[in-house]
Amino acid sequence: MYTSVPDIEPEHVDHYQRNPTDCTKGFRRFRDIKLDDLTHKVFEHFCGLGHEQFFLDEVLSVGDNILQSPLERAIFALLRISDFQLDIKPHQIFVVLPGENLPSQATENDFIAIYPQCGIAGYHLDFGIFVQIGDMKLKIDLECDGVDFHDRSESQTSKDFRRNIALSGKGFKIYRMLGCDINRNPLHEVDKLTTYISEVIFLESELRH
């Protein structure tokens, strides 16, 4: 039994145009994969934690059609092992791939769902992050940008503005990471994101009480 991602109307949850079964999920030999510098840096971090096999099975196996850049791959990998600075255990963190739904048992407890290439209202988010802690719910559009927002053309800036308005109207908070910052220190960028999430949850909880 499955349910849709929380608080999203079914007609506004789009399946990504690529078939999720087309991803490279499955056994692959690490030595046969040519890694970019950023992915290799993150892989070394996982090795230092003793999580080498986890990285191979749960990150690289997702495939390039879902994690579409080294930036996304690095952030996804580090989110997978984060506690989000909340009282969340690993079994309460779910990955929802395109075409899949959140397991129904997840909504009965506190959880965090990481949804790469999440389709919302005609847009594709690099990551949709859905947080439920007690009666607190949070939806984040996480974008991993390859260029500085201020370097974009006027046309692109206008498109981003319309996109932000549409997603904000669906209750999403927009969070952008710059590509240069991710390349410099992806772990720090994930720490900043999880600090932001925990602070938003805390402030909203304080306002309710």
N, C-alpha and C. Protein backbone atom coordinates (compact mmCIF):
# COMPACT_ATOMS: atom_id res chain seq x y z
N MET A 1 0.85 -1.19 0.00
CA MET A 1 0.00 0.00 0.00
C MET A 1 0.89 1.23 0.00
N TYR A 2 0.64 2.16 -0.91
CA TYR A 2 1.48 3.34 -1.02
C TYR A 2 0.60 4.59 -1.01
N THR A 3 1.22 5.69 -0.70
CA THR A 3 0.51 6.97 -0.69
C THR A 3 1.36 8.00 -1.41
N SER A 4 0.73 9.07 -1.86
CA SER A 4 1.48 10.13 -2.53
C SER A 4 2.31 10.88 -1.52
N VAL A 5 3.29 11.64 -2.01
CA VAL A 5 4.08 12.50 -1.13
C VAL A 5 3.13 13.44 -0.40
N PRO A 6 3.30 13.68 0.90
CA PRO A 6 2.32 14.40 1.70
C PRO A 6 2.05 15.81 1.21
N ASP A 7 0.77 16.21 1.34
CA ASP A 7 0.35 17.58 1.08
C ASP A 7 0.57 18.02 -0.36
N ILE A 8 0.62 17.08 -1.29
CA ILE A 8 0.74 17.44 -2.70
C ILE A 8 -0.46 16.84 -3.41
N GLU A 9 -1.23 17.66 -4.09
CA GLU A 9 -2.38 17.13 -4.81
C GLU A 9 -1.89 16.21 -5.92
N PRO A 10 -2.55 15.03 -6.11
CA PRO A 10 -2.08 14.07 -7.11
C PRO A 10 -1.90 14.67 -8.49
N GLU A 11 -2.78 15.63 -8.87
CA GLU A 11 -2.66 16.17 -10.23
C GLU A 11 -1.44 17.06 -10.38
N HIS A 12 -0.79 17.40 -9.25
CA HIS A 12 0.39 18.25 -9.32
C HIS A 12 1.69 17.49 -9.08
N VAL A 13 1.59 16.17 -8.99
CA VAL A 13 2.79 15.35 -8.88
C VAL A 13 3.03 14.72 -10.24
N ASP A 14 4.06 15.16 -10.92
CA ASP A 14 4.34 14.69 -12.27
C ASP A 14 5.39 13.60 -12.26
N HIS A 15 5.22 12.61 -13.13
CA HIS A 15 6.28 11.62 -13.30
C HIS A 15 7.34 12.21 -14.23
N TYR A 16 8.58 12.02 -13.86
CA TYR A 16 9.67 12.51 -14.69
C TYR A 16 9.62 11.81 -16.04
N GLN A 17 10.00 12.52 -17.11
CA GLN A 17 9.81 11.98 -18.44
C GLN A 17 10.65 10.75 -18.73
N ARG A 18 11.76 10.58 -18.01
CA ARG A 18 12.57 9.39 -18.21
C ARG A 18 12.04 8.27 -17.33
N ASN A 19 12.01 7.08 -17.87
CA ASN A 19 11.56 5.91 -17.12
C ASN A 19 12.57 5.60 -16.03
N PRO A 20 12.15 5.55 -14.75
CA PRO A 20 13.11 5.28 -13.68
C PRO A 20 13.79 3.93 -13.81
N THR A 21 13.18 3.00 -14.54
CA THR A 21 13.81 1.69 -14.73
C THR A 21 14.98 1.77 -15.69
N ASP A 22 15.14 2.93 -16.36
CA ASP A 22 16.26 3.10 -17.27
C ASP A 22 17.55 3.48 -16.55
N CYS A 23 17.45 3.72 -15.23
CA CYS A 23 18.66 4.11 -14.50
C CYS A 23 19.62 2.93 -14.42
N THR A 24 20.82 3.21 -14.00
CA THR A 24 21.86 2.18 -14.01
C THR A 24 21.87 1.40 -12.70
N LYS A 25 20.73 1.31 -12.04
CA LYS A 25 20.64 0.62 -10.76
C LYS A 25 21.05 -0.84 -10.95
N GLY A 26 21.87 -1.31 -10.07
CA GLY A 26 22.35 -2.68 -10.17
C GLY A 26 23.84 -2.74 -9.89
N PHE A 27 24.38 -3.92 -9.85
CA PHE A 27 25.79 -4.09 -9.49
C PHE A 27 26.70 -3.54 -10.57
N ARG A 28 27.65 -2.70 -10.14
CA ARG A 28 28.68 -2.22 -11.05
C ARG A 28 30.01 -2.23 -10.32
N ARG A 29 31.08 -2.47 -11.04
CA ARG A 29 32.41 -2.46 -10.43
C ARG A 29 32.92 -1.03 -10.36
N PHE A 30 33.32 -0.61 -9.16
CA PHE A 30 33.76 0.77 -8.98
C PHE A 30 34.94 1.10 -9.89
N ARG A 31 35.84 0.15 -10.08
CA ARG A 31 37.02 0.44 -10.90
C ARG A 31 36.67 0.67 -12.37
N ASP A 32 35.45 0.27 -12.77
CA ASP A 32 35.03 0.47 -14.15
C ASP A 32 34.38 1.82 -14.37
N ILE A 33 34.20 2.60 -13.29
CA ILE A 33 33.53 3.88 -13.38
C ILE A 33 34.55 5.00 -13.31
N LYS A 34 34.52 5.89 -14.28
CA LYS A 34 35.42 7.04 -14.27
C LYS A 34 34.73 8.17 -13.52
N LEU A 35 35.19 8.46 -12.32
CA LEU A 35 34.55 9.46 -11.48
C LEU A 35 35.13 10.85 -11.72
N ASP A 36 34.26 11.84 -11.67
CA ASP A 36 34.72 13.22 -11.69
C ASP A 36 35.35 13.54 -10.33
N ASP A 37 36.02 14.67 -10.25
CA ASP A 37 36.75 15.03 -9.02
C ASP A 37 35.84 15.16 -7.82
N LEU A 38 34.66 15.78 -8.00
CA LEU A 38 33.77 16.00 -6.87
C LEU A 38 33.22 14.67 -6.34
N THR A 39 32.80 13.79 -7.25
CA THR A 39 32.29 12.49 -6.81
C THR A 39 33.37 11.70 -6.10
N HIS A 40 34.58 11.78 -6.61
CA HIS A 40 35.68 11.05 -5.98
C HIS A 40 35.96 11.61 -4.58
N LYS A 41 35.87 12.92 -4.43
CA LYS A 41 36.07 13.53 -3.11
C LYS A 41 35.02 13.02 -2.12
N VAL A 42 33.77 12.97 -2.56
CA VAL A 42 32.70 12.49 -1.67
C VAL A 42 32.86 11.00 -1.39
N PHE A 43 33.27 10.24 -2.41
CA PHE A 43 33.50 8.81 -2.21
C PHE A 43 34.58 8.58 -1.16
N GLU A 44 35.65 9.36 -1.20
CA GLU A 44 36.71 9.23 -0.20
C GLU A 44 36.17 9.53 1.20
N HIS A 45 35.26 10.50 1.30
CA HIS A 45 34.63 10.81 2.58
C HIS A 45 33.86 9.59 3.10
N PHE A 46 33.12 8.95 2.23
CA PHE A 46 32.36 7.75 2.61
C PHE A 46 33.30 6.62 3.02
N CYS A 47 34.40 6.47 2.30
CA CYS A 47 35.37 5.44 2.65
C CYS A 47 35.92 5.68 4.05
N GLY A 48 36.19 6.95 4.37
CA GLY A 48 36.70 7.29 5.70
C GLY A 48 35.72 6.97 6.80
N LEU A 49 34.41 6.98 6.46
CA LEU A 49 33.38 6.64 7.44
C LEU A 49 33.08 5.14 7.47
N GLY A 50 33.72 4.39 6.58
CA GLY A 50 33.43 2.96 6.48
C GLY A 50 32.17 2.65 5.71
N HIS A 51 31.72 3.61 4.87
CA HIS A 51 30.47 3.45 4.13
C HIS A 51 30.71 3.29 2.63
N GLU A 52 31.83 2.70 2.26
CA GLU A 52 32.15 2.56 0.84
C GLU A 52 31.06 1.82 0.09
N GLN A 53 30.62 0.68 0.61
CA GLN A 53 29.62 -0.12 -0.10
C GLN A 53 28.28 0.59 -0.18
N PHE A 54 27.94 1.34 0.88
CA PHE A 54 26.71 2.12 0.87
C PHE A 54 26.73 3.12 -0.28
N PHE A 55 27.87 3.78 -0.48
CA PHE A 55 27.99 4.75 -1.57
C PHE A 55 27.79 4.07 -2.92
N LEU A 56 28.39 2.90 -3.09
CA LEU A 56 28.26 2.19 -4.36
C LEU A 56 26.83 1.74 -4.60
N ASP A 57 26.20 1.20 -3.55
CA ASP A 57 24.87 0.60 -3.70
C ASP A 57 23.75 1.63 -3.72
N GLU A 58 23.89 2.70 -2.95
CA GLU A 58 22.78 3.62 -2.74
C GLU A 58 22.94 4.97 -3.43
N VAL A 59 24.13 5.26 -3.95
CA VAL A 59 24.34 6.55 -4.61
C VAL A 59 24.67 6.34 -6.09
N LEU A 60 25.80 5.68 -6.36
CA LEU A 60 26.17 5.48 -7.76
C LEU A 60 25.14 4.66 -8.52
N SER A 61 24.48 3.74 -7.84
CA SER A 61 23.54 2.86 -8.52
C SER A 61 22.27 3.59 -8.97
N VAL A 62 22.04 4.79 -8.44
CA VAL A 62 20.83 5.52 -8.83
C VAL A 62 20.89 5.91 -10.31
N GLY A 63 22.07 6.25 -10.79
CA GLY A 63 22.23 6.51 -12.22
C GLY A 63 22.22 7.98 -12.59
N ASP A 64 22.82 8.29 -13.73
CA ASP A 64 22.98 9.67 -14.17
C ASP A 64 21.70 10.28 -14.74
N ASN A 65 20.70 9.45 -15.05
CA ASN A 65 19.46 10.04 -15.57
C ASN A 65 18.59 10.60 -14.46
N ILE A 66 18.90 10.27 -13.20
CA ILE A 66 18.15 10.82 -12.07
C ILE A 66 19.01 11.84 -11.33
N LEU A 67 20.23 11.47 -10.99
CA LEU A 67 21.18 12.43 -10.43
C LEU A 67 21.98 12.97 -11.61
N GLN A 68 21.56 14.12 -12.13
CA GLN A 68 21.98 14.53 -13.46
C GLN A 68 23.28 15.32 -13.52
N SER A 69 23.92 15.52 -12.38
CA SER A 69 25.20 16.22 -12.39
C SER A 69 26.00 15.78 -11.18
N PRO A 70 27.32 15.97 -11.22
CA PRO A 70 28.13 15.68 -10.04
C PRO A 70 27.68 16.47 -8.81
N LEU A 71 27.17 17.68 -9.03
CA LEU A 71 26.68 18.49 -7.92
C LEU A 71 25.52 17.78 -7.21
N GLU A 72 24.55 17.31 -8.00
CA GLU A 72 23.40 16.62 -7.43
C GLU A 72 23.82 15.32 -6.75
N ARG A 73 24.76 14.61 -7.38
CA ARG A 73 25.21 13.33 -6.81
C ARG A 73 25.87 13.54 -5.44
N ALA A 74 26.69 14.59 -5.34
CA ALA A 74 27.38 14.87 -4.08
C ALA A 74 26.40 15.22 -2.98
N ILE A 75 25.44 16.09 -3.29
CA ILE A 75 24.47 16.51 -2.28
C ILE A 75 23.57 15.34 -1.88
N PHE A 76 23.13 14.57 -2.85
CA PHE A 76 22.30 13.40 -2.55
C PHE A 76 23.03 12.44 -1.63
N ALA A 77 24.29 12.17 -1.93
CA ALA A 77 25.07 11.23 -1.13
C ALA A 77 25.16 11.69 0.32
N LEU A 78 25.45 12.97 0.54
CA LEU A 78 25.63 13.46 1.89
C LEU A 78 24.30 13.60 2.63
N LEU A 79 23.22 13.88 1.90
CA LEU A 79 21.90 13.89 2.54
C LEU A 79 21.52 12.50 3.03
N ARG A 80 21.96 11.47 2.31
CA ARG A 80 21.61 10.09 2.65
C ARG A 80 22.15 9.68 4.01
N ILE A 81 23.24 10.30 4.45
CA ILE A 81 23.83 9.90 5.73
C ILE A 81 23.70 11.00 6.78
N SER A 82 22.88 12.02 6.49
CA SER A 82 22.69 13.11 7.44
C SER A 82 21.57 12.76 8.41
N ASP A 83 21.68 13.28 9.64
CA ASP A 83 20.57 13.15 10.60
C ASP A 83 19.68 14.39 10.57
N PHE A 84 20.00 15.33 9.67
CA PHE A 84 19.22 16.55 9.46
C PHE A 84 19.11 17.40 10.74
N GLN A 85 20.01 17.15 11.70
CA GLN A 85 20.00 17.86 12.96
C GLN A 85 18.65 17.76 13.67
N LEU A 86 17.96 16.65 13.43
CA LEU A 86 16.67 16.37 14.04
C LEU A 86 16.73 14.99 14.66
N ASP A 87 15.74 14.67 15.47
CA ASP A 87 15.70 13.35 16.11
C ASP A 87 15.14 12.34 15.11
N ILE A 88 15.90 12.12 14.05
CA ILE A 88 15.50 11.24 12.96
C ILE A 88 16.51 10.12 12.83
N LYS A 89 16.02 8.90 12.75
CA LYS A 89 16.88 7.73 12.59
C LYS A 89 16.98 7.36 11.11
N PRO A 90 18.02 6.61 10.72
CA PRO A 90 18.18 6.25 9.31
C PRO A 90 16.95 5.60 8.69
N HIS A 91 16.22 4.77 9.46
CA HIS A 91 15.06 4.09 8.87
C HIS A 91 13.87 5.04 8.66
N GLN A 92 14.00 6.29 9.15
CA GLN A 92 12.95 7.28 8.95
C GLN A 92 13.25 8.21 7.78
N ILE A 93 14.35 7.97 7.10
CA ILE A 93 14.72 8.75 5.92
C ILE A 93 14.47 7.91 4.69
N PHE A 94 13.63 8.40 3.80
CA PHE A 94 13.22 7.66 2.62
C PHE A 94 13.71 8.37 1.36
N VAL A 95 14.06 7.58 0.36
CA VAL A 95 14.36 8.10 -0.97
C VAL A 95 13.21 7.70 -1.88
N VAL A 96 12.62 8.68 -2.55
CA VAL A 96 11.52 8.43 -3.48
C VAL A 96 12.03 8.75 -4.88
N LEU A 97 12.19 7.74 -5.70
CA LEU A 97 12.68 7.95 -7.07
C LEU A 97 11.51 8.28 -8.00
N PRO A 98 11.78 8.91 -9.13
CA PRO A 98 10.70 9.26 -10.07
C PRO A 98 9.85 8.05 -10.41
N GLY A 99 8.53 8.23 -10.34
CA GLY A 99 7.61 7.14 -10.63
C GLY A 99 7.24 6.32 -9.41
N GLU A 100 7.92 6.57 -8.28
CA GLU A 100 7.61 5.87 -7.04
C GLU A 100 6.82 6.77 -6.10
N ASN A 101 6.25 6.17 -5.06
CA ASN A 101 5.53 6.91 -4.03
C ASN A 101 6.12 6.59 -2.66
N LEU A 102 5.81 7.43 -1.71
CA LEU A 102 6.27 7.23 -0.35
C LEU A 102 5.52 6.07 0.28
N PRO A 103 6.21 5.10 0.92
CA PRO A 103 5.51 4.01 1.60
C PRO A 103 4.51 4.55 2.61
N SER A 104 3.34 3.96 2.68
CA SER A 104 2.27 4.47 3.53
C SER A 104 2.66 4.48 4.99
N GLN A 105 3.47 3.52 5.43
CA GLN A 105 3.83 3.48 6.86
C GLN A 105 4.67 4.69 7.26
N ALA A 106 5.31 5.34 6.29
CA ALA A 106 6.14 6.50 6.60
C ALA A 106 5.30 7.63 7.18
N THR A 107 4.10 7.84 6.64
CA THR A 107 3.28 8.98 7.04
C THR A 107 2.70 8.81 8.44
N GLU A 108 2.84 7.63 9.02
CA GLU A 108 2.33 7.40 10.37
C GLU A 108 3.32 7.83 11.44
N ASN A 109 4.53 8.19 11.03
CA ASN A 109 5.59 8.56 11.97
C ASN A 109 6.32 9.80 11.45
N ASP A 110 7.26 10.28 12.24
CA ASP A 110 8.14 11.34 11.76
C ASP A 110 9.00 10.78 10.63
N PHE A 111 9.22 11.56 9.60
CA PHE A 111 10.03 11.08 8.49
C PHE A 111 10.59 12.25 7.70
N ILE A 112 11.60 11.94 6.88
CA ILE A 112 12.11 12.85 5.86
C ILE A 112 12.16 12.07 4.55
N ALA A 113 11.64 12.65 3.49
CA ALA A 113 11.68 12.03 2.17
C ALA A 113 12.53 12.89 1.24
N ILE A 114 13.47 12.26 0.57
CA ILE A 114 14.33 12.92 -0.42
C ILE A 114 13.87 12.44 -1.79
N TYR A 115 13.43 13.36 -2.63
CA TYR A 115 12.78 13.01 -3.90
C TYR A 115 13.54 13.70 -5.04
N PRO A 116 14.57 13.04 -5.62
CA PRO A 116 15.29 13.66 -6.75
C PRO A 116 14.40 13.74 -7.98
N GLN A 117 14.56 14.82 -8.74
CA GLN A 117 13.78 15.08 -9.95
C GLN A 117 12.29 15.00 -9.67
N CYS A 118 11.89 15.69 -8.60
CA CYS A 118 10.49 15.71 -8.18
C CYS A 118 9.70 16.64 -9.10
N GLY A 119 8.62 16.13 -9.67
CA GLY A 119 7.80 16.92 -10.58
C GLY A 119 6.65 17.59 -9.85
N ILE A 120 6.62 18.93 -9.88
CA ILE A 120 5.58 19.69 -9.20
C ILE A 120 5.08 20.80 -10.13
N ALA A 121 3.79 20.80 -10.41
CA ALA A 121 3.16 21.90 -11.15
C ALA A 121 3.89 22.23 -12.45
N GLY A 122 4.34 21.20 -13.14
CA GLY A 122 5.00 21.41 -14.43
C GLY A 122 6.48 21.71 -14.33
N TYR A 123 7.05 21.74 -13.14
CA TYR A 123 8.46 21.99 -12.94
C TYR A 123 9.13 20.74 -12.38
N HIS A 124 10.42 20.60 -12.67
CA HIS A 124 11.19 19.52 -12.09
C HIS A 124 12.22 20.08 -11.12
N LEU A 125 12.07 19.68 -9.87
CA LEU A 125 12.97 20.12 -8.81
C LEU A 125 14.21 19.23 -8.81
N ASP A 126 15.39 19.80 -8.58
CA ASP A 126 16.56 18.95 -8.41
C ASP A 126 16.28 17.95 -7.29
N PHE A 127 15.75 18.48 -6.18
CA PHE A 127 15.32 17.62 -5.07
C PHE A 127 14.11 18.25 -4.40
N GLY A 128 13.09 17.45 -4.18
CA GLY A 128 12.03 17.84 -3.26
C GLY A 128 12.36 17.19 -1.93
N ILE A 129 12.37 17.96 -0.86
CA ILE A 129 12.62 17.41 0.47
C ILE A 129 11.37 17.65 1.31
N PHE A 130 10.80 16.56 1.84
CA PHE A 130 9.57 16.61 2.59
C PHE A 130 9.85 16.16 4.02
N VAL A 131 9.51 17.02 4.97
CA VAL A 131 9.82 16.76 6.38
C VAL A 131 8.51 16.73 7.17
N GLN A 132 8.35 15.70 7.99
CA GLN A 132 7.21 15.63 8.91
C GLN A 132 7.74 15.28 10.30
N ILE A 133 7.60 16.22 11.21
CA ILE A 133 8.01 16.03 12.60
C ILE A 133 6.81 16.37 13.47
N GLY A 134 6.16 15.36 14.04
CA GLY A 134 4.94 15.61 14.78
C GLY A 134 3.90 16.21 13.86
N ASP A 135 3.35 17.37 14.26
CA ASP A 135 2.37 18.03 13.39
C ASP A 135 3.01 19.08 12.50
N MET A 136 4.34 19.13 12.49
CA MET A 136 5.06 20.08 11.66
C MET A 136 5.41 19.45 10.32
N LYS A 137 5.10 20.16 9.23
CA LYS A 137 5.42 19.68 7.89
C LYS A 137 6.14 20.77 7.12
N LEU A 138 7.12 20.36 6.36
CA LEU A 138 7.95 21.31 5.62
C LEU A 138 8.24 20.73 4.24
N LYS A 139 8.11 21.57 3.22
CA LYS A 139 8.42 21.17 1.85
C LYS A 139 9.48 22.12 1.28
N ILE A 140 10.55 21.55 0.75
CA ILE A 140 11.66 22.35 0.24
C ILE A 140 11.97 21.98 -1.21
N ASP A 141 12.13 22.99 -2.02
CA ASP A 141 12.67 22.83 -3.37
C ASP A 141 14.16 23.13 -3.28
N LEU A 142 14.96 22.08 -3.34
CA LEU A 142 16.41 22.23 -3.26
C LEU A 142 16.99 22.23 -4.67
N GLU A 143 17.65 23.33 -5.04
CA GLU A 143 18.25 23.48 -6.35
C GLU A 143 19.77 23.57 -6.22
N CYS A 144 20.46 22.76 -7.00
CA CYS A 144 21.93 22.75 -7.02
C CYS A 144 22.38 23.43 -8.31
N ASP A 145 22.70 24.70 -8.24
CA ASP A 145 22.96 25.50 -9.43
C ASP A 145 24.42 25.45 -9.83
N GLY A 146 24.64 25.28 -11.13
CA GLY A 146 26.00 25.23 -11.63
C GLY A 146 26.64 26.59 -11.78
N VAL A 147 25.82 27.66 -11.79
CA VAL A 147 26.36 29.02 -11.94
C VAL A 147 25.73 29.91 -10.89
N ASP A 148 26.39 31.01 -10.60
CA ASP A 148 25.87 31.97 -9.65
C ASP A 148 24.56 32.54 -10.17
N PHE A 149 23.59 32.65 -9.29
CA PHE A 149 22.28 33.18 -9.65
C PHE A 149 22.40 34.55 -10.33
N HIS A 150 23.36 35.36 -9.88
CA HIS A 150 23.50 36.71 -10.41
C HIS A 150 24.15 36.73 -11.80
N ASP A 151 24.70 35.61 -12.23
CA ASP A 151 25.32 35.55 -13.55
C ASP A 151 24.34 35.13 -14.64
N ARG A 152 23.09 34.89 -14.28
CA ARG A 152 22.13 34.40 -15.25
C ARG A 152 21.62 35.53 -16.13
N SER A 153 21.11 35.13 -17.29
CA SER A 153 20.56 36.12 -18.19
C SER A 153 19.26 36.67 -17.62
N GLU A 154 18.83 37.81 -18.17
CA GLU A 154 17.57 38.40 -17.72
C GLU A 154 16.41 37.45 -17.97
N SER A 155 16.43 36.74 -19.10
CA SER A 155 15.38 35.78 -19.42
C SER A 155 15.34 34.65 -18.41
N GLN A 156 16.51 34.10 -18.05
CA GLN A 156 16.57 33.01 -17.09
C GLN A 156 16.13 33.47 -15.70
N THR A 157 16.52 34.67 -15.34
CA THR A 157 16.12 35.22 -14.05
C THR A 157 14.61 35.36 -13.98
N SER A 158 14.00 35.79 -15.09
CA SER A 158 12.54 35.94 -15.14
C SER A 158 11.86 34.58 -15.01
N LYS A 159 12.41 33.56 -15.68
CA LYS A 159 11.85 32.21 -15.57
C LYS A 159 11.96 31.69 -14.15
N ASP A 160 13.10 31.94 -13.53
CA ASP A 160 13.29 31.48 -12.15
C ASP A 160 12.31 32.17 -11.21
N PHE A 161 12.05 33.44 -11.47
CA PHE A 161 11.11 34.19 -10.62
C PHE A 161 9.72 33.59 -10.73
N ARG A 162 9.27 33.31 -11.97
CA ARG A 162 7.94 32.72 -12.16
C ARG A 162 7.87 31.34 -11.52
N ARG A 163 8.95 30.59 -11.65
CA ARG A 163 9.02 29.26 -11.06
C ARG A 163 8.91 29.33 -9.54
N ASN A 164 9.65 30.26 -8.94
CA ASN A 164 9.62 30.40 -7.49
C ASN A 164 8.23 30.79 -6.99
N ILE A 165 7.56 31.66 -7.74
CA ILE A 165 6.20 32.07 -7.36
C ILE A 165 5.27 30.86 -7.40
N ALA A 166 5.38 30.05 -8.46
CA ALA A 166 4.50 28.88 -8.61
C ALA A 166 4.74 27.87 -7.49
N LEU A 167 6.00 27.60 -7.18
CA LEU A 167 6.30 26.61 -6.14
C LEU A 167 6.00 27.14 -4.74
N SER A 168 6.22 28.43 -4.53
CA SER A 168 5.86 29.03 -3.24
C SER A 168 4.35 28.92 -3.02
N GLY A 169 3.60 29.06 -4.10
CA GLY A 169 2.16 28.92 -4.01
C GLY A 169 1.72 27.52 -3.63
N LYS A 170 2.59 26.53 -3.87
CA LYS A 170 2.33 25.15 -3.47
C LYS A 170 2.88 24.85 -2.08
N GLY A 171 3.37 25.87 -1.41
CA GLY A 171 3.86 25.69 -0.05
C GLY A 171 5.33 25.32 0.07
N PHE A 172 6.08 25.44 -1.03
CA PHE A 172 7.50 25.09 -1.00
C PHE A 172 8.35 26.29 -0.60
N LYS A 173 9.37 26.01 0.18
CA LYS A 173 10.42 26.98 0.44
C LYS A 173 11.55 26.69 -0.54
N ILE A 174 12.07 27.73 -1.16
CA ILE A 174 13.11 27.57 -2.18
C ILE A 174 14.47 27.69 -1.52
N TYR A 175 15.32 26.71 -1.76
CA TYR A 175 16.68 26.74 -1.19
C TYR A 175 17.66 26.43 -2.32
N ARG A 176 18.57 27.37 -2.57
CA ARG A 176 19.55 27.20 -3.65
C ARG A 176 20.96 27.03 -3.09
N MET A 177 21.68 26.11 -3.69
CA MET A 177 23.11 25.96 -3.42
C MET A 177 23.86 26.31 -4.69
N LEU A 178 24.90 27.10 -4.56
CA LEU A 178 25.71 27.46 -5.72
C LEU A 178 26.69 26.33 -6.05
N GLY A 179 26.87 26.10 -7.33
CA GLY A 179 27.78 25.04 -7.76
C GLY A 179 29.19 25.23 -7.23
N CYS A 180 29.67 26.48 -7.23
CA CYS A 180 31.04 26.73 -6.75
C CYS A 180 31.17 26.37 -5.28
N ASP A 181 30.10 26.62 -4.50
CA ASP A 181 30.14 26.29 -3.08
C ASP A 181 30.09 24.78 -2.85
N ILE A 182 29.30 24.10 -3.66
CA ILE A 182 29.22 22.64 -3.54
C ILE A 182 30.57 22.02 -3.89
N ASN A 183 31.18 22.50 -4.97
CA ASN A 183 32.49 21.98 -5.37
C ASN A 183 33.55 22.23 -4.30
N ARG A 184 33.45 23.37 -3.65
CA ARG A 184 34.45 23.73 -2.64
C ARG A 184 34.30 22.86 -1.39
N ASN A 185 33.06 22.70 -0.90
CA ASN A 185 32.85 21.94 0.34
C ASN A 185 31.40 21.46 0.41
N PRO A 186 31.09 20.34 -0.23
CA PRO A 186 29.70 19.86 -0.24
C PRO A 186 29.16 19.53 1.14
N LEU A 187 30.03 19.04 2.03
CA LEU A 187 29.58 18.70 3.38
C LEU A 187 29.11 19.95 4.12
N HIS A 188 29.83 21.05 3.95
CA HIS A 188 29.43 22.30 4.58
C HIS A 188 28.09 22.78 4.06
N GLU A 189 27.86 22.62 2.74
CA GLU A 189 26.60 23.06 2.16
C GLU A 189 25.42 22.23 2.69
N VAL A 190 25.64 20.93 2.87
CA VAL A 190 24.59 20.09 3.44
C VAL A 190 24.36 20.45 4.90
N ASP A 191 25.42 20.76 5.63
CA ASP A 191 25.27 21.20 7.02
C ASP A 191 24.45 22.48 7.10
N LYS A 192 24.68 23.42 6.18
CA LYS A 192 23.91 24.66 6.17
C LYS A 192 22.44 24.38 5.88
N LEU A 193 22.18 23.47 4.95
CA LEU A 193 20.80 23.12 4.62
C LEU A 193 20.10 22.48 5.81
N THR A 194 20.75 21.52 6.47
CA THR A 194 20.10 20.84 7.59
C THR A 194 19.92 21.78 8.78
N THR A 195 20.84 22.74 8.95
CA THR A 195 20.64 23.76 9.98
C THR A 195 19.41 24.59 9.66
N TYR A 196 19.27 24.96 8.39
CA TYR A 196 18.10 25.73 7.96
C TYR A 196 16.81 24.96 8.23
N ILE A 197 16.80 23.66 7.89
CA ILE A 197 15.60 22.84 8.10
C ILE A 197 15.25 22.77 9.58
N SER A 198 16.24 22.49 10.42
CA SER A 198 15.97 22.37 11.85
C SER A 198 15.51 23.70 12.44
N GLU A 199 16.05 24.82 11.96
CA GLU A 199 15.64 26.12 12.47
C GLU A 199 14.21 26.45 12.06
N VAL A 200 13.84 26.13 10.82
CA VAL A 200 12.47 26.38 10.36
C VAL A 200 11.48 25.55 11.18
N ILE A 201 11.80 24.27 11.38
CA ILE A 201 10.93 23.40 12.17
C ILE A 201 10.78 23.95 13.59
N PHE A 202 11.89 24.39 14.20
CA PHE A 202 11.85 24.91 15.56
C PHE A 202 11.02 26.19 15.64
N LEU A 203 11.24 27.13 14.70
CA LEU A 203 10.52 28.39 14.73
C LEU A 203 9.03 28.20 14.52
N GLU A 204 8.67 27.33 13.59
CA GLU A 204 7.25 27.09 13.34
C GLU A 204 6.60 26.40 14.55
N SER A 205 7.35 25.53 15.21
CA SER A 205 6.84 24.88 16.40
C SER A 205 6.62 25.90 17.52
N GLU A 206 7.56 26.85 17.66
CA GLU A 206 7.42 27.89 18.67
C GLU A 206 6.23 28.78 18.39
N LEU A 207 6.00 29.10 17.13
CA LEU A 207 4.88 29.96 16.76
C LEU A 207 3.54 29.28 17.06
N ARG A 208 3.50 27.96 16.90
CA ARG A 208 2.25 27.24 17.16
C ARG A 208 1.94 27.13 18.64
N HIS A 209 3.00 27.20 19.44
CA HIS A 209 2.80 27.03 20.89
C HIS A 209 3.02 28.34 21.62
